[in-house]
Amino acid sequence: QVQLVESGGGLVQPGGSLRLSCAVSGSNFYINIMGWYRQAPGKQRDLVATISNGARTNYADSVKGRFTISRDNAKNTVYLQMNSLKPEDTAVYYCNYRELGTSWFEYWGQGTQVTVSS
């Protein structure tokens, strides 16, 4: 069974930085995409960034130039380095893992709160 364990959220002042981590266990297939989504109160869950097993990345326009997604395949862990944080980045951040078997299978982490406030 695939499990995702997130860490690294918290409270930070505007302009500050945080690094999120998500460790994936129980994965079965080579072709996969790891990513981060976020959901602010009263809003839908939106894409933040994704990275494929081939290291191809994709970012939401709102975080380009400020956030960096990376992965350590040996540890099966994905990271999100968040710099120049803004109050509008405040949300619950969810780790997402998709792998291609006979079809795409998708899994979610439990979410970690990121609050940007002075």
N, C-alpha and C. Protein backbone atom coordinates (compact mmCIF):
# COMPACT_ATOMS: atom_id res chain seq x y z
N GLN A 1 0.85 -1.19 0.00
CA GLN A 1 0.00 0.00 0.00
C GLN A 1 0.89 1.24 0.00
N VAL A 2 0.56 2.16 -0.90
CA VAL A 2 1.36 3.39 -1.00
C VAL A 2 0.98 4.34 0.13
N GLN A 3 1.98 4.88 0.79
CA GLN A 3 1.76 5.86 1.86
C GLN A 3 2.66 7.07 1.63
N LEU A 4 2.11 8.25 1.94
CA LEU A 4 2.84 9.50 1.81
C LEU A 4 2.89 10.17 3.17
N VAL A 5 4.09 10.55 3.59
CA VAL A 5 4.26 11.22 4.88
C VAL A 5 4.94 12.57 4.65
N GLU A 6 4.22 13.62 4.99
CA GLU A 6 4.68 14.99 4.76
C GLU A 6 5.27 15.59 6.04
N SER A 7 6.16 16.55 5.84
CA SER A 7 6.70 17.30 6.96
C SER A 7 7.18 18.65 6.47
N GLY A 8 7.36 19.59 7.42
CA GLY A 8 8.00 20.85 7.08
C GLY A 8 7.11 22.08 7.07
N GLY A 9 5.83 21.94 7.31
CA GLY A 9 4.98 23.12 7.33
C GLY A 9 5.20 23.94 8.59
N GLY A 10 4.52 25.09 8.65
CA GLY A 10 4.64 25.93 9.83
C GLY A 10 4.27 27.36 9.56
N LEU A 11 4.65 28.22 10.51
CA LEU A 11 4.37 29.65 10.42
C LEU A 11 5.65 30.38 10.02
N VAL A 12 5.54 31.27 9.06
CA VAL A 12 6.70 32.02 8.59
C VAL A 12 6.26 33.44 8.25
N GLN A 13 7.17 34.38 8.40
CA GLN A 13 6.86 35.76 8.06
C GLN A 13 6.94 35.98 6.55
N PRO A 14 6.22 36.96 6.04
CA PRO A 14 6.33 37.29 4.61
C PRO A 14 7.79 37.53 4.21
N GLY A 15 8.16 36.96 3.06
CA GLY A 15 9.54 37.04 2.62
C GLY A 15 10.41 35.90 3.08
N GLY A 16 9.89 35.10 3.99
CA GLY A 16 10.65 33.98 4.53
C GLY A 16 10.61 32.75 3.64
N SER A 17 11.20 31.68 4.17
CA SER A 17 11.32 30.43 3.41
C SER A 17 10.89 29.24 4.27
N LEU A 18 10.41 28.22 3.57
CA LEU A 18 10.10 26.93 4.19
C LEU A 18 10.43 25.84 3.19
N ARG A 19 10.72 24.66 3.72
CA ARG A 19 10.95 23.50 2.86
C ARG A 19 10.04 22.37 3.30
N LEU A 20 9.23 21.90 2.37
CA LEU A 20 8.35 20.76 2.62
C LEU A 20 9.00 19.49 2.08
N SER A 21 8.74 18.39 2.78
CA SER A 21 9.22 17.09 2.35
C SER A 21 8.07 16.10 2.34
N CYS A 22 8.14 15.13 1.45
CA CYS A 22 7.13 14.08 1.39
C CYS A 22 7.82 12.78 1.01
N ALA A 23 7.79 11.83 1.93
CA ALA A 23 8.39 10.52 1.70
C ALA A 23 7.31 9.54 1.26
N VAL A 24 7.57 8.85 0.16
CA VAL A 24 6.62 7.89 -0.41
C VAL A 24 7.14 6.47 -0.16
N SER A 25 6.28 5.63 0.38
CA SER A 25 6.64 4.23 0.59
C SER A 25 5.60 3.34 -0.07
N GLY A 26 6.04 2.13 -0.43
CA GLY A 26 5.12 1.17 -1.01
C GLY A 26 4.84 1.35 -2.49
N SER A 27 5.60 2.22 -3.17
CA SER A 27 5.36 2.42 -4.60
C SER A 27 5.81 1.19 -5.39
N ASN A 28 5.17 1.03 -6.56
CA ASN A 28 5.37 -0.20 -7.31
C ASN A 28 5.89 -0.01 -8.75
N PHE A 29 5.72 1.19 -9.29
CA PHE A 29 5.99 1.36 -10.71
C PHE A 29 6.99 2.47 -10.97
N TYR A 30 7.75 2.29 -12.04
CA TYR A 30 8.84 3.22 -12.33
C TYR A 30 8.34 4.58 -12.81
N ILE A 31 7.36 4.55 -13.70
CA ILE A 31 6.86 5.81 -14.26
C ILE A 31 5.94 6.46 -13.24
N ASN A 32 6.33 7.61 -12.75
CA ASN A 32 5.53 8.26 -11.72
C ASN A 32 5.74 9.76 -11.75
N ILE A 33 4.84 10.45 -11.12
CA ILE A 33 4.90 11.90 -10.98
C ILE A 33 4.64 12.24 -9.52
N MET A 34 5.51 13.05 -8.96
CA MET A 34 5.34 13.51 -7.58
C MET A 34 5.04 15.00 -7.63
N GLY A 35 4.22 15.45 -6.69
CA GLY A 35 3.87 16.86 -6.76
C GLY A 35 3.28 17.40 -5.48
N TRP A 36 3.02 18.69 -5.52
CA TRP A 36 2.41 19.41 -4.41
C TRP A 36 1.21 20.20 -4.91
N TYR A 37 0.15 20.15 -4.13
CA TYR A 37 -1.04 20.94 -4.36
C TYR A 37 -1.33 21.72 -3.08
N ARG A 38 -2.15 22.73 -3.18
CA ARG A 38 -2.51 23.48 -1.97
C ARG A 38 -3.97 23.89 -2.02
N GLN A 39 -4.51 24.05 -0.81
CA GLN A 39 -5.92 24.44 -0.69
C GLN A 39 -6.05 25.47 0.41
N ALA A 40 -6.46 26.66 0.03
CA ALA A 40 -6.73 27.71 1.00
C ALA A 40 -8.18 27.60 1.46
N PRO A 41 -8.51 28.16 2.62
CA PRO A 41 -9.88 28.06 3.13
C PRO A 41 -10.90 28.59 2.12
N GLY A 42 -11.93 27.81 1.87
CA GLY A 42 -12.99 28.22 0.97
C GLY A 42 -12.66 28.14 -0.51
N LYS A 43 -11.49 27.60 -0.83
CA LYS A 43 -11.07 27.52 -2.23
C LYS A 43 -10.82 26.08 -2.64
N GLN A 44 -10.70 25.86 -3.94
CA GLN A 44 -10.43 24.52 -4.43
C GLN A 44 -8.95 24.19 -4.27
N ARG A 45 -8.65 22.92 -4.38
CA ARG A 45 -7.27 22.47 -4.31
C ARG A 45 -6.60 22.73 -5.67
N ASP A 46 -5.49 23.40 -5.65
CA ASP A 46 -4.81 23.80 -6.88
C ASP A 46 -3.41 23.23 -6.97
N LEU A 47 -2.96 23.04 -8.19
CA LEU A 47 -1.59 22.60 -8.44
C LEU A 47 -0.59 23.65 -7.99
N VAL A 48 0.48 23.20 -7.35
CA VAL A 48 1.62 24.08 -7.05
C VAL A 48 2.78 23.72 -7.98
N ALA A 49 3.18 22.44 -7.95
CA ALA A 49 4.29 22.00 -8.79
C ALA A 49 4.30 20.49 -8.87
N THR A 50 4.82 19.97 -9.99
CA THR A 50 5.01 18.53 -10.13
C THR A 50 6.38 18.25 -10.72
N ILE A 51 6.85 17.02 -10.50
CA ILE A 51 8.12 16.58 -11.06
C ILE A 51 7.99 15.10 -11.43
N SER A 52 8.38 14.76 -12.63
CA SER A 52 8.28 13.37 -13.09
C SER A 52 9.52 12.58 -12.67
N ASN A 53 9.47 11.28 -12.87
CA ASN A 53 10.65 10.47 -12.56
C ASN A 53 11.81 10.81 -13.49
N GLY A 54 11.49 11.45 -14.62
CA GLY A 54 12.53 11.94 -15.52
C GLY A 54 12.97 13.35 -15.21
N ALA A 55 12.52 13.88 -14.06
CA ALA A 55 12.89 15.21 -13.57
C ALA A 55 12.28 16.36 -14.36
N ARG A 56 11.25 16.10 -15.12
CA ARG A 56 10.54 17.20 -15.80
C ARG A 56 9.65 17.89 -14.78
N THR A 57 9.73 19.21 -14.73
CA THR A 57 8.97 19.96 -13.73
C THR A 57 7.89 20.82 -14.36
N ASN A 58 6.90 21.12 -13.53
CA ASN A 58 5.80 21.98 -13.96
C ASN A 58 5.39 22.81 -12.75
N TYR A 59 5.19 24.12 -12.95
CA TYR A 59 4.85 25.01 -11.85
C TYR A 59 3.62 25.84 -12.16
N ALA A 60 2.86 26.14 -11.12
CA ALA A 60 1.81 27.14 -11.25
C ALA A 60 2.46 28.50 -11.49
N ASP A 61 1.81 29.33 -12.28
CA ASP A 61 2.38 30.65 -12.58
C ASP A 61 2.63 31.46 -11.31
N SER A 62 1.78 31.28 -10.32
CA SER A 62 1.87 32.08 -9.11
C SER A 62 3.11 31.79 -8.27
N VAL A 63 3.77 30.66 -8.51
CA VAL A 63 4.94 30.30 -7.70
C VAL A 63 6.24 30.26 -8.50
N LYS A 64 6.15 30.43 -9.80
CA LYS A 64 7.35 30.39 -10.63
C LYS A 64 8.37 31.43 -10.17
N GLY A 65 9.63 30.99 -10.07
CA GLY A 65 10.68 31.88 -9.62
C GLY A 65 10.83 31.97 -8.12
N ARG A 66 9.86 31.45 -7.37
CA ARG A 66 9.93 31.48 -5.91
C ARG A 66 10.03 30.09 -5.30
N PHE A 67 9.34 29.13 -5.90
CA PHE A 67 9.31 27.76 -5.39
C PHE A 67 10.14 26.86 -6.30
N THR A 68 10.76 25.84 -5.69
CA THR A 68 11.51 24.86 -6.46
C THR A 68 11.14 23.46 -5.98
N ILE A 69 10.72 22.62 -6.91
CA ILE A 69 10.41 21.23 -6.59
C ILE A 69 11.60 20.37 -7.00
N SER A 70 11.90 19.37 -6.17
CA SER A 70 12.99 18.45 -6.47
C SER A 70 12.64 17.10 -5.88
N ARG A 71 13.42 16.10 -6.26
CA ARG A 71 13.17 14.76 -5.74
C ARG A 71 14.48 14.02 -5.56
N ASP A 72 14.46 13.11 -4.59
CA ASP A 72 15.57 12.19 -4.36
C ASP A 72 15.03 10.80 -4.61
N ASN A 73 15.37 10.23 -5.75
CA ASN A 73 14.81 8.93 -6.12
C ASN A 73 15.29 7.81 -5.20
N ALA A 74 16.49 7.95 -4.68
CA ALA A 74 17.01 6.92 -3.78
C ALA A 74 16.19 6.86 -2.50
N LYS A 75 15.67 8.01 -2.07
CA LYS A 75 14.87 8.08 -0.86
C LYS A 75 13.39 8.10 -1.16
N ASN A 76 13.03 8.13 -2.44
CA ASN A 76 11.63 8.22 -2.84
C ASN A 76 10.94 9.39 -2.14
N THR A 77 11.60 10.52 -2.17
CA THR A 77 11.12 11.70 -1.45
C THR A 77 11.10 12.90 -2.39
N VAL A 78 10.04 13.70 -2.25
CA VAL A 78 9.91 14.92 -3.03
C VAL A 78 9.97 16.11 -2.07
N TYR A 79 10.59 17.19 -2.54
CA TYR A 79 10.77 18.39 -1.73
C TYR A 79 10.14 19.59 -2.43
N LEU A 80 9.73 20.55 -1.63
CA LEU A 80 9.28 21.83 -2.17
C LEU A 80 9.96 22.94 -1.38
N GLN A 81 10.92 23.59 -2.00
CA GLN A 81 11.59 24.72 -1.39
C GLN A 81 10.80 25.98 -1.74
N MET A 82 10.32 26.66 -0.72
CA MET A 82 9.47 27.83 -0.92
C MET A 82 10.20 29.07 -0.39
N ASN A 83 10.52 29.98 -1.28
CA ASN A 83 11.20 31.22 -0.92
C ASN A 83 10.30 32.41 -1.21
N SER A 84 10.65 33.54 -0.63
CA SER A 84 9.89 34.78 -0.85
C SER A 84 8.40 34.56 -0.63
N LEU A 85 8.08 33.92 0.46
CA LEU A 85 6.69 33.57 0.73
C LEU A 85 5.83 34.80 0.94
N LYS A 86 4.59 34.69 0.48
CA LYS A 86 3.61 35.77 0.57
C LYS A 86 2.41 35.30 1.39
N PRO A 87 1.65 36.23 1.96
CA PRO A 87 0.45 35.82 2.71
C PRO A 87 -0.50 34.97 1.86
N GLU A 88 -0.57 35.22 0.57
CA GLU A 88 -1.47 34.45 -0.28
C GLU A 88 -0.98 33.02 -0.53
N ASP A 89 0.21 32.69 -0.06
CA ASP A 89 0.67 31.30 -0.12
C ASP A 89 0.13 30.47 1.04
N THR A 90 -0.54 31.13 1.98
CA THR A 90 -1.11 30.42 3.12
C THR A 90 -2.15 29.41 2.66
N ALA A 91 -1.96 28.15 3.06
CA ALA A 91 -2.85 27.07 2.63
C ALA A 91 -2.40 25.77 3.30
N VAL A 92 -3.23 24.76 3.15
CA VAL A 92 -2.79 23.41 3.47
C VAL A 92 -2.16 22.84 2.20
N TYR A 93 -0.94 22.36 2.33
CA TYR A 93 -0.20 21.82 1.19
C TYR A 93 -0.27 20.28 1.25
N TYR A 94 -0.66 19.71 0.12
CA TYR A 94 -0.83 18.27 0.01
C TYR A 94 0.20 17.69 -0.96
N CYS A 95 0.83 16.63 -0.53
CA CYS A 95 1.71 15.86 -1.40
C CYS A 95 0.86 14.94 -2.27
N ASN A 96 1.24 14.79 -3.51
CA ASN A 96 0.52 13.94 -4.46
C ASN A 96 1.49 13.01 -5.17
N TYR A 97 1.09 11.77 -5.32
CA TYR A 97 1.93 10.78 -6.01
C TYR A 97 1.05 10.01 -6.99
N ARG A 98 1.50 9.96 -8.25
CA ARG A 98 0.80 9.20 -9.27
C ARG A 98 1.78 8.24 -9.93
N GLU A 99 1.36 7.02 -10.13
CA GLU A 99 2.22 6.06 -10.79
C GLU A 99 1.43 5.31 -11.86
N LEU A 100 2.15 4.92 -12.92
CA LEU A 100 1.52 4.28 -14.05
C LEU A 100 1.73 2.78 -13.99
N GLY A 101 0.63 2.06 -13.71
CA GLY A 101 0.65 0.61 -13.80
C GLY A 101 -0.19 0.22 -15.00
N THR A 102 -1.24 -0.50 -14.79
CA THR A 102 -2.19 -0.78 -15.87
C THR A 102 -2.99 0.47 -16.22
N SER A 103 -3.03 1.39 -15.27
CA SER A 103 -3.59 2.73 -15.46
C SER A 103 -2.89 3.63 -14.44
N TRP A 104 -3.29 4.90 -14.40
CA TRP A 104 -2.69 5.80 -13.41
C TRP A 104 -3.36 5.57 -12.06
N PHE A 105 -2.53 5.42 -11.04
CA PHE A 105 -3.00 5.34 -9.67
C PHE A 105 -2.55 6.61 -8.95
N GLU A 106 -3.40 7.17 -8.11
CA GLU A 106 -3.12 8.45 -7.46
C GLU A 106 -3.28 8.34 -5.96
N TYR A 107 -2.36 8.98 -5.24
CA TYR A 107 -2.37 8.94 -3.78
C TYR A 107 -2.10 10.34 -3.24
N TRP A 108 -2.64 10.59 -2.03
CA TRP A 108 -2.49 11.90 -1.39
C TRP A 108 -1.92 11.78 0.01
N GLY A 109 -1.15 12.77 0.40
CA GLY A 109 -0.71 12.88 1.78
C GLY A 109 -1.80 13.49 2.64
N GLN A 110 -1.52 13.61 3.93
CA GLN A 110 -2.52 14.09 4.87
C GLN A 110 -2.61 15.61 4.89
N GLY A 111 -1.64 16.28 4.33
CA GLY A 111 -1.63 17.74 4.29
C GLY A 111 -0.83 18.34 5.41
N THR A 112 -0.18 19.46 5.11
CA THR A 112 0.58 20.18 6.12
C THR A 112 0.28 21.68 5.98
N GLN A 113 0.04 22.34 7.10
CA GLN A 113 -0.36 23.74 7.08
C GLN A 113 0.86 24.64 6.89
N VAL A 114 0.73 25.57 5.96
CA VAL A 114 1.72 26.64 5.78
C VAL A 114 0.99 27.96 5.99
N THR A 115 1.47 28.74 6.94
CA THR A 115 0.88 30.04 7.23
C THR A 115 1.94 31.12 7.09
N VAL A 116 1.64 32.09 6.25
CA VAL A 116 2.56 33.21 6.03
C VAL A 116 1.91 34.46 6.60
N SER A 117 2.47 34.94 7.70
CA SER A 117 1.86 36.05 8.40
C SER A 117 2.90 36.75 9.26
N SER A 118 2.73 38.06 9.40
CA SER A 118 3.61 38.82 10.28
C SER A 118 2.99 38.93 11.68
